[in-house]
Structures are given as structure tokens and as C-alpha cells.
Amino acid sequence: MAKSCKGLAMELVKCLSETDCVKKRPYKECAGEKVPNITSECVGLRETYFNCKRGQVDMRARIRGNKGY
């Protein structure tokens, strides 16, 4: 895992661990839900984390620098 997205990933896991969704299903299923049973804070962290990971693959973002965390 890249260092620039590691902090976001840890915050997302922390946020998801506090939801009821994780008590019934794995983290991966809860993070990927279309209609979230998670808080809006976790949804925001999820979108930011996915954009951070996408930015690592996009060569334009890699040249300019990753704006993840």
C-alpha cells in the first residue's frame, strides 16, 4: 500500500469498524455497498480513498503529485 493513501485506509477501517454493517458482514462488502448502511462520514472517506488509489494509477496525477492525505 502506498504511503499517501495509508492514512485514509486506516481511517476508513476505523470508521467502518464502528458501524453495525461490519458486525454482520466483512469490511470489503460494507465498503463496496451501493446503498450504504454506513454513516455519511464513512461514505466520504471511502470516496476519498478510492480517488486516492485511482490517482496512483493515473499518470497525470502521479506527475502532479497525489492529493490523498
N, C-alpha and C. Protein backbone atom coordinates (compact mmCIF):
# COMPACT_ATOMS: atom_id res chain seq x y z
N MET A 1 0.85 -1.18 0.00
CA MET A 1 0.00 0.00 0.00
C MET A 1 0.90 1.23 0.00
N ALA A 2 0.55 2.18 -0.84
CA ALA A 2 1.33 3.41 -0.93
C ALA A 2 1.16 4.24 0.34
N LYS A 3 2.19 4.96 0.65
CA LYS A 3 2.16 5.76 1.88
C LYS A 3 1.13 6.87 1.83
N SER A 4 0.90 7.43 0.64
CA SER A 4 0.00 8.57 0.56
C SER A 4 -1.45 8.20 0.87
N CYS A 5 -1.84 6.95 0.64
CA CYS A 5 -3.22 6.52 0.89
C CYS A 5 -3.36 5.71 2.18
N LYS A 6 -2.27 5.44 2.83
CA LYS A 6 -2.31 4.58 4.01
C LYS A 6 -3.12 5.20 5.15
N GLY A 7 -2.97 6.49 5.36
CA GLY A 7 -3.72 7.16 6.43
C GLY A 7 -5.22 7.12 6.17
N LEU A 8 -5.60 7.32 4.91
CA LEU A 8 -7.02 7.25 4.55
C LEU A 8 -7.57 5.84 4.75
N ALA A 9 -6.77 4.85 4.39
CA ALA A 9 -7.22 3.47 4.56
C ALA A 9 -7.43 3.14 6.03
N MET A 10 -6.55 3.61 6.88
CA MET A 10 -6.68 3.33 8.31
C MET A 10 -7.90 4.05 8.89
N GLU A 11 -8.16 5.27 8.44
CA GLU A 11 -9.34 6.00 8.92
C GLU A 11 -10.63 5.34 8.44
N LEU A 12 -10.62 4.82 7.20
CA LEU A 12 -11.79 4.14 6.66
C LEU A 12 -12.07 2.87 7.44
N VAL A 13 -11.04 2.10 7.75
CA VAL A 13 -11.23 0.88 8.54
C VAL A 13 -11.75 1.21 9.93
N LYS A 14 -11.21 2.26 10.53
CA LYS A 14 -11.66 2.68 11.86
C LYS A 14 -13.13 3.10 11.82
N CYS A 15 -13.50 3.85 10.80
CA CYS A 15 -14.88 4.31 10.67
C CYS A 15 -15.82 3.13 10.43
N LEU A 16 -15.42 2.21 9.56
CA LEU A 16 -16.27 1.05 9.27
C LEU A 16 -16.40 0.13 10.47
N SER A 17 -15.36 0.05 11.29
CA SER A 17 -15.42 -0.84 12.45
C SER A 17 -16.43 -0.37 13.49
N GLU A 18 -16.81 0.91 13.44
CA GLU A 18 -17.77 1.45 14.39
C GLU A 18 -19.22 1.31 13.90
N THR A 19 -19.43 0.79 12.68
CA THR A 19 -20.78 0.65 12.13
C THR A 19 -21.35 -0.73 12.43
N ASP A 20 -22.66 -0.85 12.30
CA ASP A 20 -23.32 -2.14 12.52
C ASP A 20 -23.11 -3.09 11.35
N CYS A 21 -22.81 -2.57 10.19
CA CYS A 21 -22.63 -3.38 8.99
C CYS A 21 -21.50 -4.40 9.18
N VAL A 22 -20.43 -3.99 9.81
CA VAL A 22 -19.25 -4.85 9.97
C VAL A 22 -19.52 -6.00 10.94
N LYS A 23 -20.48 -5.82 11.82
CA LYS A 23 -20.79 -6.89 12.76
C LYS A 23 -21.45 -8.07 12.06
N LYS A 24 -22.08 -7.81 10.90
CA LYS A 24 -22.79 -8.86 10.17
C LYS A 24 -22.02 -9.37 8.97
N ARG A 25 -21.22 -8.51 8.34
CA ARG A 25 -20.52 -8.86 7.11
C ARG A 25 -19.07 -8.39 7.15
N PRO A 26 -18.25 -8.87 6.21
CA PRO A 26 -16.84 -8.42 6.16
C PRO A 26 -16.71 -6.95 5.74
N TYR A 27 -15.53 -6.37 6.01
CA TYR A 27 -15.25 -4.98 5.69
C TYR A 27 -15.42 -4.71 4.20
N LYS A 28 -14.94 -5.63 3.37
CA LYS A 28 -14.97 -5.42 1.93
C LYS A 28 -16.39 -5.25 1.41
N GLU A 29 -17.31 -6.04 1.91
CA GLU A 29 -18.71 -5.92 1.49
C GLU A 29 -19.31 -4.61 1.96
N CYS A 30 -19.01 -4.21 3.17
CA CYS A 30 -19.57 -2.96 3.71
C CYS A 30 -19.01 -1.74 2.98
N ALA A 31 -17.73 -1.78 2.62
CA ALA A 31 -17.12 -0.63 1.95
C ALA A 31 -17.60 -0.50 0.52
N GLY A 32 -18.01 -1.59 -0.11
CA GLY A 32 -18.40 -1.55 -1.51
C GLY A 32 -19.88 -1.45 -1.76
N GLU A 33 -20.69 -1.23 -0.75
CA GLU A 33 -22.14 -1.17 -0.94
C GLU A 33 -22.56 0.02 -1.77
N LYS A 34 -23.55 -0.19 -2.64
CA LYS A 34 -24.11 0.90 -3.44
C LYS A 34 -25.05 1.75 -2.59
N VAL A 35 -25.95 1.12 -1.88
CA VAL A 35 -26.84 1.82 -0.95
C VAL A 35 -26.26 1.59 0.44
N PRO A 36 -25.50 2.54 0.94
CA PRO A 36 -24.73 2.28 2.16
C PRO A 36 -25.58 2.18 3.42
N ASN A 37 -25.23 1.22 4.23
CA ASN A 37 -25.76 1.10 5.58
C ASN A 37 -24.76 1.67 6.57
N ILE A 38 -23.90 2.54 6.05
CA ILE A 38 -22.84 3.13 6.86
C ILE A 38 -23.07 4.63 6.93
N THR A 39 -22.37 5.30 7.81
CA THR A 39 -22.56 6.73 8.02
C THR A 39 -22.04 7.54 6.84
N SER A 40 -22.49 8.76 6.74
CA SER A 40 -22.05 9.63 5.64
C SER A 40 -20.56 9.95 5.76
N GLU A 41 -20.04 9.95 6.98
CA GLU A 41 -18.61 10.17 7.18
C GLU A 41 -17.80 9.05 6.53
N CYS A 42 -18.26 7.82 6.73
CA CYS A 42 -17.56 6.67 6.13
C CYS A 42 -17.69 6.69 4.61
N VAL A 43 -18.82 7.13 4.11
CA VAL A 43 -19.00 7.21 2.65
C VAL A 43 -18.02 8.24 2.08
N GLY A 44 -17.86 9.35 2.75
CA GLY A 44 -16.90 10.36 2.31
C GLY A 44 -15.48 9.86 2.34
N LEU A 45 -15.12 9.15 3.40
CA LEU A 45 -13.78 8.56 3.48
C LEU A 45 -13.57 7.53 2.38
N ARG A 46 -14.60 6.74 2.09
CA ARG A 46 -14.50 5.73 1.05
C ARG A 46 -14.24 6.37 -0.30
N GLU A 47 -14.98 7.42 -0.62
CA GLU A 47 -14.80 8.10 -1.91
C GLU A 47 -13.41 8.73 -2.00
N THR A 48 -12.96 9.34 -0.92
CA THR A 48 -11.64 9.95 -0.91
C THR A 48 -10.54 8.91 -1.07
N TYR A 49 -10.70 7.77 -0.41
CA TYR A 49 -9.71 6.70 -0.52
C TYR A 49 -9.69 6.13 -1.94
N PHE A 50 -10.85 5.90 -2.54
CA PHE A 50 -10.89 5.37 -3.90
C PHE A 50 -10.27 6.35 -4.88
N ASN A 51 -10.52 7.65 -4.69
CA ASN A 51 -9.91 8.65 -5.56
C ASN A 51 -8.39 8.69 -5.37
N CYS A 52 -7.94 8.48 -4.16
CA CYS A 52 -6.50 8.44 -3.90
C CYS A 52 -5.86 7.25 -4.63
N LYS A 53 -6.50 6.10 -4.54
CA LYS A 53 -5.98 4.92 -5.23
C LYS A 53 -6.02 5.10 -6.75
N ARG A 54 -7.08 5.70 -7.25
CA ARG A 54 -7.20 5.96 -8.69
C ARG A 54 -6.11 6.92 -9.14
N GLY A 55 -5.78 7.89 -8.31
CA GLY A 55 -4.74 8.85 -8.64
C GLY A 55 -3.37 8.24 -8.74
N GLN A 56 -3.15 7.12 -8.08
CA GLN A 56 -1.86 6.45 -8.17
C GLN A 56 -1.69 5.77 -9.52
N VAL A 57 -2.79 5.39 -10.15
CA VAL A 57 -2.73 4.72 -11.44
C VAL A 57 -2.70 5.74 -12.58
N ASP A 58 -3.40 6.86 -12.41
CA ASP A 58 -3.48 7.90 -13.43
C ASP A 58 -2.13 8.60 -13.52
N MET A 59 -1.50 8.52 -14.68
CA MET A 59 -0.15 9.08 -14.84
C MET A 59 -0.15 10.61 -14.67
N ARG A 60 -1.21 11.29 -15.08
CA ARG A 60 -1.25 12.74 -14.92
C ARG A 60 -1.21 13.12 -13.45
N ALA A 61 -1.94 12.39 -12.62
CA ALA A 61 -1.96 12.69 -11.19
C ALA A 61 -0.63 12.32 -10.55
N ARG A 62 0.03 11.29 -11.06
CA ARG A 62 1.32 10.90 -10.49
C ARG A 62 2.37 11.95 -10.76
N ILE A 63 2.31 12.59 -11.91
CA ILE A 63 3.29 13.63 -12.24
C ILE A 63 3.06 14.85 -11.35
N ARG A 64 1.80 15.25 -11.16
CA ARG A 64 1.47 16.42 -10.37
C ARG A 64 1.57 16.16 -8.86
N GLY A 65 1.50 14.93 -8.46
CA GLY A 65 1.52 14.60 -7.05
C GLY A 65 0.17 14.14 -6.59
N ASN A 66 0.13 13.16 -5.73
CA ASN A 66 -1.13 12.59 -5.24
C ASN A 66 -1.66 13.45 -4.10
N LYS A 67 -2.90 13.86 -4.21
CA LYS A 67 -3.50 14.76 -3.22
C LYS A 67 -4.37 13.98 -2.23
N GLY A 68 -3.92 12.83 -1.78
CA GLY A 68 -4.75 11.97 -0.96
C GLY A 68 -4.88 12.38 0.47
N TYR A 69 -3.82 12.42 1.22
CA TYR A 69 -3.93 12.59 2.66
C TYR A 69 -3.01 13.67 3.14
